[in-house]
Protein backbone atom coordinates (compact mmCIF):
# COMPACT_ATOMS: atom_id res chain seq x y z
CA MET A 1 -47.47 -4.54 -11.49
CA GLN A 2 -47.48 -4.96 -7.72
CA GLU A 3 -45.23 -8.01 -8.05
CA ILE A 4 -42.60 -6.10 -10.04
CA VAL A 5 -42.11 -3.20 -7.58
CA PRO A 6 -40.44 -5.28 -4.80
CA VAL A 7 -38.18 -6.92 -7.38
CA LEU A 8 -37.15 -3.54 -8.82
CA THR A 9 -36.55 -2.20 -5.32
CA LEU A 10 -34.32 -5.16 -4.50
CA VAL A 11 -32.40 -4.80 -7.79
CA GLY A 12 -32.00 -1.06 -7.18
CA PHE A 13 -30.71 -1.67 -3.66
CA ALA A 14 -28.21 -4.29 -4.90
CA LEU A 15 -26.99 -1.89 -7.60
CA LEU A 16 -26.57 0.92 -5.07
CA LEU A 17 -24.68 -1.39 -2.71
CA TRP A 18 -22.36 -2.44 -5.54
CA LEU A 19 -21.72 1.18 -6.59
CA LEU A 20 -21.00 2.41 -3.07
CA LEU A 21 -19.09 -0.53 -1.56
CA VAL A 22 -17.84 -3.17 -3.95
CA ARG A 23 -16.58 -1.03 -6.82
CA PRO A 24 -14.46 1.42 -4.76
CA GLN A 25 -12.89 -1.44 -2.77
CA ALA A 26 -11.94 -3.27 -5.96
CA ARG A 27 -10.38 -0.08 -7.34
CA ARG A 28 -8.32 0.39 -4.15
CA GLN A 29 -7.10 -3.21 -4.36
CA ARG A 30 -6.07 -2.77 -8.00
CA GLU A 31 -4.16 0.43 -7.18
CA LEU A 32 -2.37 -1.25 -4.25
CA ALA A 33 -1.40 -4.24 -6.39
CA ARG A 34 -0.12 -1.88 -9.12
CA MET A 35 1.98 0.05 -6.57
CA GLN A 36 3.40 -3.16 -5.08
CA SER A 37 4.34 -4.50 -8.51
CA SER A 38 6.08 -1.25 -9.46
CA LEU A 39 8.33 -1.10 -6.39
CA GLU A 40 11.99 -0.42 -7.06
CA VAL A 41 15.16 -0.78 -5.02
CA GLY A 42 15.74 2.48 -3.14
CA ASP A 43 12.06 3.35 -2.69
CA GLU A 44 11.12 4.62 0.73
CA VAL A 45 8.11 2.66 1.92
CA MET A 46 5.75 2.24 4.84
CA LEU A 47 4.74 -1.33 5.60
CA THR A 48 1.16 -2.17 6.55
CA SER A 49 2.39 -2.51 10.14
CA GLY A 50 3.49 1.15 10.13
CA VAL A 51 7.23 0.44 9.91
CA PHE A 52 9.16 2.82 7.63
CA GLY A 53 12.18 1.71 5.63
CA ILE A 54 14.00 1.59 2.32
CA VAL A 55 13.69 -1.26 -0.18
CA ARG A 56 17.12 -2.88 -0.58
CA THR A 57 16.30 -6.00 -2.66
CA LEU A 58 13.21 -7.29 -4.42
CA ASP A 59 12.02 -10.54 -5.87
CA ASP A 60 8.60 -11.69 -7.04
CA THR A 61 7.06 -12.15 -3.59
CA VAL A 62 9.65 -10.92 -1.08
CA ALA A 63 11.26 -7.56 -0.36
CA GLN A 64 14.15 -6.81 1.96
CA VAL A 65 13.58 -3.50 3.71
CA GLU A 66 16.23 -1.64 5.69
CA ILE A 67 14.55 -0.19 8.77
CA ALA A 68 17.70 1.10 10.50
CA ASP A 69 21.42 1.22 9.74
CA GLY A 70 22.44 -2.38 9.15
CA VAL A 71 19.00 -3.76 10.09
CA THR A 72 17.25 -5.34 7.13
CA ILE A 73 14.04 -7.32 7.43
CA ARG A 74 12.55 -9.72 4.91
CA VAL A 75 8.84 -9.10 4.29
CA ALA A 76 6.21 -10.21 1.84
CA ARG A 77 5.93 -7.74 -1.01
CA ALA A 78 2.22 -7.49 -0.16
CA ALA A 79 3.19 -6.05 3.24
CA VAL A 80 4.21 -2.77 1.59
CA GLY A 81 1.34 -0.39 2.24
CA GLN A 82 2.60 2.67 0.42
CA VAL A 83 5.61 4.36 -1.13
CA VAL A 84 6.47 7.40 1.00
CA PRO A 85 7.44 10.64 -0.73
CA GLY A 86 10.64 12.15 0.68
CA ASP A 87 8.84 15.03 2.42
CA GLU A 88 6.57 12.65 4.39
CA ARG A 89 9.36 10.54 5.92
CA PRO A 90 9.62 10.50 9.69
CA ASP A 91 12.54 12.60 10.97
CA ASP A 92 14.59 9.62 12.16
CA ALA A 93 14.15 7.43 9.05
CA PRO A 94 17.28 6.73 6.99
CA THR A 95 17.50 8.44 3.62
CA ALA A 96 17.52 6.57 0.31
CA ASP A 97 21.34 6.47 0.32
CA GLY A 98 21.32 4.79 3.75
CA GLU A 99 22.56 7.80 5.66
CA ALA A 100 20.94 8.91 8.89
CA PRO A 101 19.35 12.36 8.72
CA GLU A 102 21.47 15.29 9.79
CA GLU A 103 20.97 16.70 13.26
CA ASN A 104 20.06 20.40 13.45
């Protein structure tokens, strides 16, 4: 019996570690991959570097993102960190139709 307790403790610790660290990270990676695969032209995105822009073209591994009027950069599709809802865009970001925001 005394030999089983340390083994059960170790197994319990490994299970707890898996539940608290490994499983949530795997879920986040799956959600990110799902979002990146569902990107569409015209989506407003934030790259992992913090740059905001609008997706102009897509292919399997590359996206072209317009970050300013007439300035389009080519990035790996995996560099897209999130799709930004319209109400969370920075004030100076171009809109989905490419127009600069109106000045108040």
